[in-house]
Amino acid sequence: MPYELPPIMTTEEVAHFFRTCTETIHRMERAGEIQAIPGLRRVKRYRREAILALFDDEDK
């Protein structure tokens, strides 16, 4: 794997990976482009595989 990412990422970590702000990540989630792990209340967490899949989609 070319990216060294943790298996579970916070909103801040995802934003840093994409070089954007956390609000953009929240907007992407509301638009259905990225899915947070369900059941974690107000704290958003994202799976590494979902982030890398989204990143790979943008490369195409």
PDB file of N, CA and C in Angstrom:
ATOM      1  N   MET A   1       0.847  -1.176   0.000  1.00  0.00           N
ATOM      2  CA  MET A   1       0.000   0.000   0.000  1.00  0.00           C
ATOM      3  C   MET A   1       0.896   1.244   0.000  1.00  0.00           C
ATOM      4  N   PRO A   2       0.673   2.173  -0.916  1.00  0.00           N
ATOM      5  CA  PRO A   2       1.546   3.338  -1.005  1.00  0.00           C
ATOM      6  C   PRO A   2       1.295   4.372   0.091  1.00  0.00           C
ATOM      7  N   TYR A   3       0.197   4.269   0.810  1.00  0.00           N
ATOM      8  CA  TYR A   3      -0.140   5.256   1.834  1.00  0.00           C
ATOM      9  C   TYR A   3      -0.095   4.608   3.208  1.00  0.00           C
ATOM     10  N   GLU A   4       0.522   5.269   4.145  1.00  0.00           N
ATOM     11  CA  GLU A   4       0.576   4.790   5.520  1.00  0.00           C
ATOM     12  C   GLU A   4      -0.506   5.526   6.311  1.00  0.00           C
ATOM     13  N   LEU A   5      -1.699   4.980   6.306  1.00  0.00           N
ATOM     14  CA  LEU A   5      -2.826   5.584   7.008  1.00  0.00           C
ATOM     15  C   LEU A   5      -3.301   4.650   8.105  1.00  0.00           C
ATOM     16  N   PRO A   6      -3.815   5.212   9.199  1.00  0.00           N
ATOM     17  CA  PRO A   6      -4.377   4.349  10.246  1.00  0.00           C
ATOM     18  C   PRO A   6      -5.656   3.683   9.747  1.00  0.00           C
ATOM     19  N   PRO A   7      -6.046   2.552  10.325  1.00  0.00           N
ATOM     20  CA  PRO A   7      -7.251   1.856   9.864  1.00  0.00           C
ATOM     21  C   PRO A   7      -8.532   2.655  10.080  1.00  0.00           C
ATOM     22  N   ILE A   8      -8.558   3.451  11.141  1.00  0.00           N
ATOM     23  CA  ILE A   8      -9.703   4.320  11.435  1.00  0.00           C
ATOM     24  C   ILE A   8      -9.178   5.746  11.527  1.00  0.00           C
ATOM     25  N   MET A   9      -9.824   6.661  10.813  1.00  0.00           N
ATOM     26  CA  MET A   9      -9.332   8.038  10.750  1.00  0.00           C
ATOM     27  C   MET A   9     -10.374   9.026  11.255  1.00  0.00           C
ATOM     28  N   THR A  10      -9.890  10.105  11.861  1.00  0.00           N
ATOM     29  CA  THR A  10     -10.769  11.190  12.300  1.00  0.00           C
ATOM     30  C   THR A  10     -11.040  12.122  11.118  1.00  0.00           C
ATOM     31  N   THR A  11     -11.974  13.017  11.309  1.00  0.00           N
ATOM     32  CA  THR A  11     -12.269  14.017  10.280  1.00  0.00           C
ATOM     33  C   THR A  11     -11.024  14.846   9.984  1.00  0.00           C
ATOM     34  N   GLU A  12     -10.294  15.204  11.013  1.00  0.00           N
ATOM     35  CA  GLU A  12      -9.085  16.009  10.840  1.00  0.00           C
ATOM     36  C   GLU A  12      -8.031  15.262  10.036  1.00  0.00           C
ATOM     37  N   GLU A  13      -7.877  13.973  10.290  1.00  0.00           N
ATOM     38  CA  GLU A  13      -6.895  13.177   9.548  1.00  0.00           C
ATOM     39  C   GLU A  13      -7.284  13.046   8.077  1.00  0.00           C
ATOM     40  N   VAL A  14      -8.564  12.854   7.823  1.00  0.00           N
ATOM     41  CA  VAL A  14      -9.036  12.750   6.437  1.00  0.00           C
ATOM     42  C   VAL A  14      -8.824  14.079   5.715  1.00  0.00           C
ATOM     43  N   ALA A  15      -9.156  15.180   6.389  1.00  0.00           N
ATOM     44  CA  ALA A  15      -8.967  16.502   5.788  1.00  0.00           C
ATOM     45  C   ALA A  15      -7.493  16.742   5.481  1.00  0.00           C
ATOM     46  N   HIS A  16      -6.624  16.348   6.383  1.00  0.00           N
ATOM     47  CA  HIS A  16      -5.185  16.513   6.161  1.00  0.00           C
ATOM     48  C   HIS A  16      -4.728  15.674   4.962  1.00  0.00           C
ATOM     49  N   PHE A  17      -5.224  14.454   4.848  1.00  0.00           N
ATOM     50  CA  PHE A  17      -4.872  13.578   3.733  1.00  0.00           C
ATOM     51  C   PHE A  17      -5.266  14.201   2.390  1.00  0.00           C
ATOM     52  N   PHE A  18      -6.461  14.790   2.348  1.00  0.00           N
ATOM     53  CA  PHE A  18      -6.935  15.420   1.108  1.00  0.00           C
ATOM     54  C   PHE A  18      -6.487  16.866   0.965  1.00  0.00           C
ATOM     55  N   ARG A  19      -5.773  17.374   1.986  1.00  0.00           N
ATOM     56  CA  ARG A  19      -5.310  18.770   1.981  1.00  0.00           C
ATOM     57  C   ARG A  19      -6.464  19.745   1.817  1.00  0.00           C
ATOM     58  N   THR A  20      -7.444  19.568   2.668  1.00  0.00           N
ATOM     59  CA  THR A  20      -8.621  20.429   2.659  1.00  0.00           C
ATOM     60  C   THR A  20      -9.027  20.691   4.103  1.00  0.00           C
ATOM     61  N   CYS A  21     -10.134  21.373   4.296  1.00  0.00           N
ATOM     62  CA  CYS A  21     -10.602  21.662   5.655  1.00  0.00           C
ATOM     63  C   CYS A  21     -11.629  20.614   6.102  1.00  0.00           C
ATOM     64  N   THR A  22     -11.872  20.565   7.388  1.00  0.00           N
ATOM     65  CA  THR A  22     -12.800  19.578   7.932  1.00  0.00           C
ATOM     66  C   THR A  22     -14.224  19.807   7.438  1.00  0.00           C
ATOM     67  N   GLU A  23     -14.594  21.052   7.192  1.00  0.00           N
ATOM     68  CA  GLU A  23     -15.950  21.324   6.699  1.00  0.00           C
ATOM     69  C   GLU A  23     -16.169  20.676   5.336  1.00  0.00           C
ATOM     70  N   THR A  24     -15.149  20.634   4.502  1.00  0.00           N
ATOM     71  CA  THR A  24     -15.274  19.967   3.204  1.00  0.00           C
ATOM     72  C   THR A  24     -15.551  18.476   3.397  1.00  0.00           C
ATOM     73  N   ILE A  25     -14.908  17.857   4.362  1.00  0.00           N
ATOM     74  CA  ILE A  25     -15.146  16.440   4.646  1.00  0.00           C
ATOM     75  C   ILE A  25     -16.577  16.237   5.129  1.00  0.00           C
ATOM     76  N   HIS A  26     -17.057  17.136   5.984  1.00  0.00           N
ATOM     77  CA  HIS A  26     -18.451  17.050   6.449  1.00  0.00           C
ATOM     78  C   HIS A  26     -19.425  17.221   5.279  1.00  0.00           C
ATOM     79  N   ARG A  27     -19.128  18.131   4.371  1.00  0.00           N
ATOM     80  CA  ARG A  27     -19.983  18.324   3.181  1.00  0.00           C
ATOM     81  C   ARG A  27     -19.981  17.073   2.316  1.00  0.00           C
ATOM     82  N   MET A  28     -18.826  16.460   2.144  1.00  0.00           N
ATOM     83  CA  MET A  28     -18.730  15.235   1.349  1.00  0.00           C
ATOM     84  C   MET A  28     -19.566  14.127   1.988  1.00  0.00           C
ATOM     85  N   GLU A  29     -19.566  14.065   3.305  1.00  0.00           N
ATOM     86  CA  GLU A  29     -20.368  13.052   3.992  1.00  0.00           C
ATOM     87  C   GLU A  29     -21.857  13.315   3.785  1.00  0.00           C
ATOM     88  N   ARG A  30     -22.274  14.564   3.948  1.00  0.00           N
ATOM     89  CA  ARG A  30     -23.696  14.902   3.751  1.00  0.00           C
ATOM     90  C   ARG A  30     -24.149  14.623   2.320  1.00  0.00           C
ATOM     91  N   ALA A  31     -23.233  14.783   1.354  1.00  0.00           N
ATOM     92  CA  ALA A  31     -23.554  14.539  -0.056  1.00  0.00           C
ATOM     93  C   ALA A  31     -23.510  13.052  -0.412  1.00  0.00           C
ATOM     94  N   GLY A  32     -23.076  12.221   0.532  1.00  0.00           N
ATOM     95  CA  GLY A  32     -23.015  10.791   0.274  1.00  0.00           C
ATOM     96  C   GLY A  32     -21.752  10.337  -0.432  1.00  0.00           C
ATOM     97  N   GLU A  33     -20.763  11.213  -0.537  1.00  0.00           N
ATOM     98  CA  GLU A  33     -19.521  10.862  -1.216  1.00  0.00           C
ATOM     99  C   GLU A  33     -18.597  10.041  -0.326  1.00  0.00           C
ATOM    100  N   ILE A  34     -18.755  10.178   0.965  1.00  0.00           N
ATOM    101  CA  ILE A  34     -17.926   9.456   1.933  1.00  0.00           C
ATOM    102  C   ILE A  34     -18.837   9.073   3.092  1.00  0.00           C
ATOM    103  N   GLN A  35     -18.584   7.912   3.671  1.00  0.00           N
ATOM    104  CA  GLN A  35     -19.455   7.430   4.735  1.00  0.00           C
ATOM    105  C   GLN A  35     -18.680   7.304   6.038  1.00  0.00           C
ATOM    106  N   ALA A  36     -19.239   7.893   7.091  1.00  0.00           N
ATOM    107  CA  ALA A  36     -18.647   7.768   8.423  1.00  0.00           C
ATOM    108  C   ALA A  36     -19.054   6.422   9.011  1.00  0.00           C
ATOM    109  N   ILE A  37     -18.280   5.960   9.964  1.00  0.00           N
ATOM    110  CA  ILE A  37     -18.622   4.717  10.651  1.00  0.00           C
ATOM    111  C   ILE A  37     -19.854   4.991  11.504  1.00  0.00           C
ATOM    112  N   PRO A  38     -20.906   4.210  11.347  1.00  0.00           N
ATOM    113  CA  PRO A  38     -22.132   4.464  12.099  1.00  0.00           C
ATOM    114  C   PRO A  38     -21.981   4.135  13.580  1.00  0.00           C
ATOM    115  N   GLY A  39     -22.780   4.826  14.392  1.00  0.00           N
ATOM    116  CA  GLY A  39     -22.869   4.507  15.802  1.00  0.00           C
ATOM    117  C   GLY A  39     -21.843   5.157  16.695  1.00  0.00           C
ATOM    118  N   LEU A  40     -21.123   6.133  16.216  1.00  0.00           N
ATOM    119  CA  LEU A  40     -20.126   6.791  17.050  1.00  0.00           C
ATOM    120  C   LEU A  40     -20.591   8.166  17.521  1.00  0.00           C
ATOM    121  N   ARG A  41     -21.870   8.347  17.587  1.00  0.00           N
ATOM    122  CA  ARG A  41     -22.470   9.601  18.052  1.00  0.00           C
ATOM    123  C   ARG A  41     -21.984  10.777  17.235  1.00  0.00           C
ATOM    124  N   ARG A  42     -21.559  11.817  17.890  1.00  0.00           N
ATOM    125  CA  ARG A  42     -21.163  13.029  17.172  1.00  0.00           C
ATOM    126  C   ARG A  42     -19.712  13.009  16.703  1.00  0.00           C
ATOM    127  N   VAL A  43     -18.947  12.053  17.171  1.00  0.00           N
ATOM    128  CA  VAL A  43     -17.543  11.946  16.771  1.00  0.00           C
ATOM    129  C   VAL A  43     -17.484  11.150  15.477  1.00  0.00           C
ATOM    130  N   LYS A  44     -17.000  11.777  14.432  1.00  0.00           N
ATOM    131  CA  LYS A  44     -16.943  11.117  13.133  1.00  0.00           C
ATOM    132  C   LYS A  44     -15.630  10.365  12.974  1.00  0.00           C
ATOM    133  N   ARG A  45     -15.743   9.143  12.474  1.00  0.00           N
ATOM    134  CA  ARG A  45     -14.582   8.328  12.152  1.00  0.00           C
ATOM    135  C   ARG A  45     -14.824   7.710  10.780  1.00  0.00           C
ATOM    136  N   TYR A  46     -13.744   7.483  10.053  1.00  0.00           N
ATOM    137  CA  TYR A  46     -13.839   6.965   8.690  1.00  0.00           C
ATOM    138  C   TYR A  46     -12.863   5.809   8.528  1.00  0.00           C
ATOM    139  N   ARG A  47     -13.267   4.809   7.761  1.00  0.00           N
ATOM    140  CA  ARG A  47     -12.402   3.654   7.503  1.00  0.00           C
ATOM    141  C   ARG A  47     -11.378   3.997   6.408  1.00  0.00           C
ATOM    142  N   ARG A  48     -10.167   3.528   6.610  1.00  0.00           N
ATOM    143  CA  ARG A  48      -9.085   3.770   5.656  1.00  0.00           C
ATOM    144  C   ARG A  48      -9.469   3.320   4.243  1.00  0.00           C
ATOM    145  N   GLU A  49     -10.115   2.156   4.138  1.00  0.00           N
ATOM    146  CA  GLU A  49     -10.479   1.628   2.824  1.00  0.00           C
ATOM    147  C   GLU A  49     -11.426   2.574   2.079  1.00  0.00           C
ATOM    148  N   ALA A  50     -12.344   3.190   2.804  1.00  0.00           N
ATOM    149  CA  ALA A  50     -13.285   4.125   2.178  1.00  0.00           C
ATOM    150  C   ALA A  50     -12.562   5.370   1.682  1.00  0.00           C
ATOM    151  N   ILE A  51     -11.596   5.829   2.448  1.00  0.00           N
ATOM    152  CA  ILE A  51     -10.836   7.021   2.053  1.00  0.00           C
ATOM    153  C   ILE A  51      -9.987   6.728   0.827  1.00  0.00           C
ATOM    154  N   LEU A  52      -9.306   5.595   0.842  1.00  0.00           N
ATOM    155  CA  LEU A  52      -8.462   5.247  -0.302  1.00  0.00           C
ATOM    156  C   LEU A  52      -9.293   4.985  -1.551  1.00  0.00           C
ATOM    157  N   ALA A  53     -10.469   4.402  -1.390  1.00  0.00           N
ATOM    158  CA  ALA A  53     -11.349   4.177  -2.545  1.00  0.00           C
ATOM    159  C   ALA A  53     -11.782   5.505  -3.146  1.00  0.00           C
ATOM    160  N   LEU A  54     -12.090   6.463  -2.303  1.00  0.00           N
ATOM    161  CA  LEU A  54     -12.478   7.786  -2.793  1.00  0.00           C
ATOM    162  C   LEU A  54     -11.298   8.456  -3.487  1.00  0.00           C
ATOM    163  N   PHE A  55     -10.140   8.332  -2.902  1.00  0.00           N
ATOM    164  CA  PHE A  55      -8.935   8.909  -3.498  1.00  0.00           C
ATOM    165  C   PHE A  55      -8.662   8.271  -4.860  1.00  0.00           C
ATOM    166  N   ASP A  56      -8.800   6.952  -4.967  1.00  0.00           N
ATOM    167  CA  ASP A  56      -8.590   6.255  -6.233  1.00  0.00           C
ATOM    168  C   ASP A  56      -9.609   6.678  -7.276  1.00  0.00           C
ATOM    169  N   ASP A  57     -10.864   6.924  -6.860  1.00  0.00           N
ATOM    170  CA  ASP A  57     -11.898   7.387  -7.796  1.00  0.00           C
ATOM    171  C   ASP A  57     -11.544   8.735  -8.391  1.00  0.00           C
ATOM    172  N   GLU A  58     -10.920   9.622  -7.607  1.00  0.00           N
ATOM    173  CA  GLU A  58     -10.559  10.946  -8.100  1.00  0.00           C
ATOM    174  C   GLU A  58      -9.392  10.910  -9.058  1.00  0.00           C
ATOM    175  N   ASP A  59      -8.577   9.856  -9.001  1.00  0.00           N
ATOM    176  CA  ASP A  59      -7.453   9.722  -9.921  1.00  0.00           C
ATOM    177  C   ASP A  59      -7.886   9.352 -11.330  1.00  0.00           C
ATOM    178  N   LYS A  60      -9.071   8.800 -11.461  1.00  0.00           N
ATOM    179  CA  LYS A  60      -9.529   8.323 -12.777  1.00  0.00           C
ATOM    180  C   LYS A  60     -10.127   9.416 -13.596  1.00  0.00           C
TER     181      LYS A  60
END
